[in-house]
Protein backbone atom coordinates (compact mmCIF):
# COMPACT_ATOMS: atom_id res chain seq x y z
CA MET A 1 -0.03 -0.09 0.07
CA ALA A 2 1.10 3.48 -0.70
CA HIS A 3 2.10 5.44 2.34
CA THR A 4 2.95 9.18 2.81
CA GLU A 5 4.15 11.23 5.70
CA VAL A 6 2.25 14.27 6.88
CA ILE A 7 2.57 16.91 9.79
CA LEU A 8 -0.55 17.25 11.66
CA THR A 9 -1.72 20.83 12.38
CA THR A 10 -4.45 19.85 14.66
CA ASN A 11 -4.96 17.19 17.47
CA LEU A 12 -6.30 14.12 15.95
CA PRO A 13 -6.78 11.55 18.76
CA PRO A 14 -6.73 8.37 16.42
CA LEU A 15 -3.55 9.50 14.63
CA GLY A 16 -1.66 11.97 16.98
CA ALA A 17 -1.43 15.41 18.30
CA GLU A 18 -0.50 18.71 16.76
CA ALA A 19 3.07 18.89 15.21
CA ASP A 20 3.22 15.08 15.06
CA ILE A 21 4.79 13.53 11.87
CA VAL A 22 2.54 10.46 11.11
CA ARG A 23 2.43 7.77 8.25
CA VAL A 24 -0.89 7.45 6.76
CA ARG A 25 -2.36 6.28 3.42
CA ARG A 26 -1.83 8.55 0.56
CA GLY A 27 -5.57 8.90 -0.28
CA TYR A 28 -6.48 9.71 3.20
CA ALA A 29 -3.83 12.20 3.10
CA ARG A 30 -4.81 13.83 -0.37
CA ASN A 31 -8.32 13.59 -0.06
CA PHE A 32 -9.10 14.51 3.63
CA LEU A 33 -6.31 15.64 5.85
CA ILE A 34 -4.69 18.22 3.35
CA PRO A 35 -7.84 19.61 1.98
CA GLN A 36 -9.34 19.98 5.54
CA GLY A 37 -6.15 21.78 6.71
CA LYS A 38 -5.52 19.19 9.14
CA ALA A 39 -2.26 18.11 7.86
CA LEU A 40 0.75 19.55 5.67
CA GLU A 41 2.74 17.39 3.29
CA VAL A 42 6.28 16.84 4.77
CA SER A 43 8.72 19.09 2.43
CA LYS A 44 11.65 21.39 3.57
CA GLY A 45 9.40 24.34 3.86
CA THR A 46 7.06 22.68 6.23
CA LEU A 47 9.69 21.09 8.22
CA ARG A 48 10.80 24.61 9.21
CA ALA A 49 7.03 25.40 10.15
CA LEU A 50 7.38 22.40 12.35
CA ASN A 51 8.86 24.50 15.17
CA HIS A 52 5.99 26.98 14.93
CA LEU A 53 3.42 24.27 15.58
CA LYS A 54 5.64 22.62 18.38
CA ALA A 55 5.53 25.80 20.21
CA ARG A 56 1.68 26.07 19.80
CA ARG A 57 1.22 22.68 20.86
CA SER A 58 3.14 23.24 24.01
CA GLU A 59 1.28 26.48 24.75
CA ARG A 60 -2.04 24.76 24.32
CA GLU A 61 -1.07 21.53 26.53
CA ALA A 62 0.09 24.09 29.27
CA ARG A 63 -3.23 26.05 29.10
CA GLU A 64 -5.15 22.57 29.28
CA GLN A 65 -3.32 21.27 32.26
CA THR A 66 -3.50 24.60 34.32
CA ALA A 67 -7.38 24.52 33.69
CA ALA A 68 -7.45 21.01 34.75
CA ALA A 69 -5.60 21.59 37.96
CA GLU A 70 -7.82 24.45 38.81
CA LEU A 71 -10.84 22.32 38.15
CA ALA A 72 -9.27 19.50 40.11
CA ALA A 73 -8.81 21.85 43.34
CA ARG A 74 -12.57 22.71 42.98
CA ILE A 75 -13.76 19.20 42.68
CA ASN A 76 -11.35 18.09 45.39
CA LYS A 77 -13.21 20.53 47.89
CA LEU A 78 -16.74 19.29 46.71
CA LYS A 79 -18.48 16.80 48.84
CA LEU A 80 -21.70 15.39 47.45
CA THR A 81 -24.62 13.67 49.16
CA LEU A 82 -26.91 11.18 47.04
CA THR A 83 -29.75 9.40 48.01
CA LEU A 84 -30.25 5.88 46.69
CA GLU A 85 -33.72 4.14 46.85
CA THR A 86 -33.86 0.94 48.80
CA GLY A 87 -36.63 -1.47 49.66
CA GLU A 88 -37.74 -2.80 53.07
CA THR A 89 -34.85 -5.08 53.45
CA GLY A 90 -32.18 -2.52 52.43
CA LYS A 91 -31.57 -3.81 49.01
CA ALA A 92 -30.89 -1.08 46.62
CA PHE A 93 -33.24 -0.76 43.43
CA GLY A 94 -30.62 0.84 41.34
CA SER A 95 -27.05 2.29 41.64
CA ILE A 96 -25.28 5.63 41.17
CA THR A 97 -23.32 5.51 37.82
CA ALA A 98 -20.60 7.60 36.50
CA LYS A 99 -23.19 9.49 34.48
CA ASP A 100 -25.11 10.53 37.49
CA LEU A 101 -21.96 11.82 39.21
CA THR A 102 -20.91 13.77 36.16
CA GLU A 103 -24.32 15.38 35.93
CA ARG A 104 -24.34 16.22 39.51
CA ILE A 105 -20.70 17.80 39.48
CA GLU A 106 -21.88 19.81 36.46
CA ALA A 107 -24.92 21.05 38.32
CA GLU A 108 -22.77 21.94 41.52
CA LEU A 109 -20.28 23.68 39.72
CA LYS A 110 -22.57 25.22 37.01
CA ASP A 111 -19.74 26.49 34.71
CA VAL A 112 -18.02 23.30 33.90
CA THR A 113 -18.57 20.59 31.50
CA LEU A 114 -16.96 17.43 32.02
CA PRO A 115 -15.72 14.73 29.35
CA LYS A 116 -17.99 11.78 29.01
CA HIS A 117 -15.53 9.39 30.53
CA ALA A 118 -14.08 11.76 33.18
CA VAL A 119 -15.55 10.08 36.15
CA VAL A 120 -13.65 6.60 36.70
CA LEU A 121 -16.18 4.30 38.14
CA ASP A 122 -15.84 0.47 37.56
CA LYS A 123 -19.26 -0.39 38.48
CA GLY A 124 -22.34 1.55 39.86
CA ILE A 125 -22.31 2.27 43.48
CA LYS A 126 -24.93 0.13 45.52
CA GLU A 127 -24.07 0.69 48.92
CA SER A 128 -24.60 3.58 51.24
CA GLY A 129 -21.67 5.15 52.95
CA GLU A 130 -18.75 7.39 52.22
CA HIS A 131 -17.13 6.76 48.86
CA GLU A 132 -14.25 8.43 46.91
CA VAL A 133 -14.37 8.43 43.28
CA ALA A 134 -11.45 9.58 40.78
CA VAL A 135 -12.32 12.16 38.18
CA ARG A 136 -9.68 12.08 35.27
CA LEU A 137 -9.62 15.69 33.98
CA HIS A 138 -6.23 15.27 32.07
CA ALA A 139 -3.67 12.66 31.40
CA ASP A 140 -1.68 14.15 34.32
CA VAL A 141 -4.35 15.43 36.61
CA THR A 142 -6.96 13.43 38.57
CA ALA A 143 -9.25 14.72 41.26
CA LYS A 144 -10.89 12.82 44.11
CA LEU A 145 -14.47 13.37 44.45
CA LYS A 146 -15.94 12.56 48.03
CA ILE A 147 -19.65 11.56 48.02
CA LYS A 148 -21.90 10.25 50.80
CA VAL A 149 -24.61 7.83 49.81
CA THR A 150 -27.63 7.64 51.99
CA ALA A 151 -30.48 5.13 51.82
CA ALA A 152 -33.98 6.14 51.22
CA ASN A 153 -36.43 3.53 51.94
CA ALA A 154 -39.15 3.21 49.37
CA GLU A 155 -42.55 2.50 51.25
CA PRO A 156 -44.83 0.18 49.32
CA GLU A 157 -48.23 1.44 48.88
CA ALA A 158 -50.73 -0.05 51.70
CA GLN A 159 -53.33 -2.50 50.29
CA THR A 160 -56.64 -2.36 51.99
CA SER A 161 -58.61 -5.77 51.29
CA GLU A 162 -61.39 -5.34 53.94
CA GLU A 163 -63.29 -2.54 52.22
């Protein structure tokens, strides 16, 4: 297969980050990456422009890491109390999922939008008590969210058979 090397001008997660030189199929480079402005052909001129792209990439990464560290500090201070519906025997009807926690954090902090998989939770929380959940905000920044889960007994409706 015919391959070519291109310099990425934007961050493309499946291929690489800004200023990376990657090997892709010629048609993909010619028909998609280069016309969309997402990559440049490797030549003497573009190799000189590579330094500019690397500087831009390092600035962007530093900004992202700083923003993630500030958000992590806010999340570390947060303590959420959630209620889990339980039956008479104390068995939980559902569980608290990563999506529930993400929505609750966004509601509490108001001006924050978390990535879909930021909350690291292997399985839903079904027990009441104190829990600590990791929130991955950046490759190098992870916050610890403290949550308290309380049980709310769901009362079954009273059946009256004498009437």
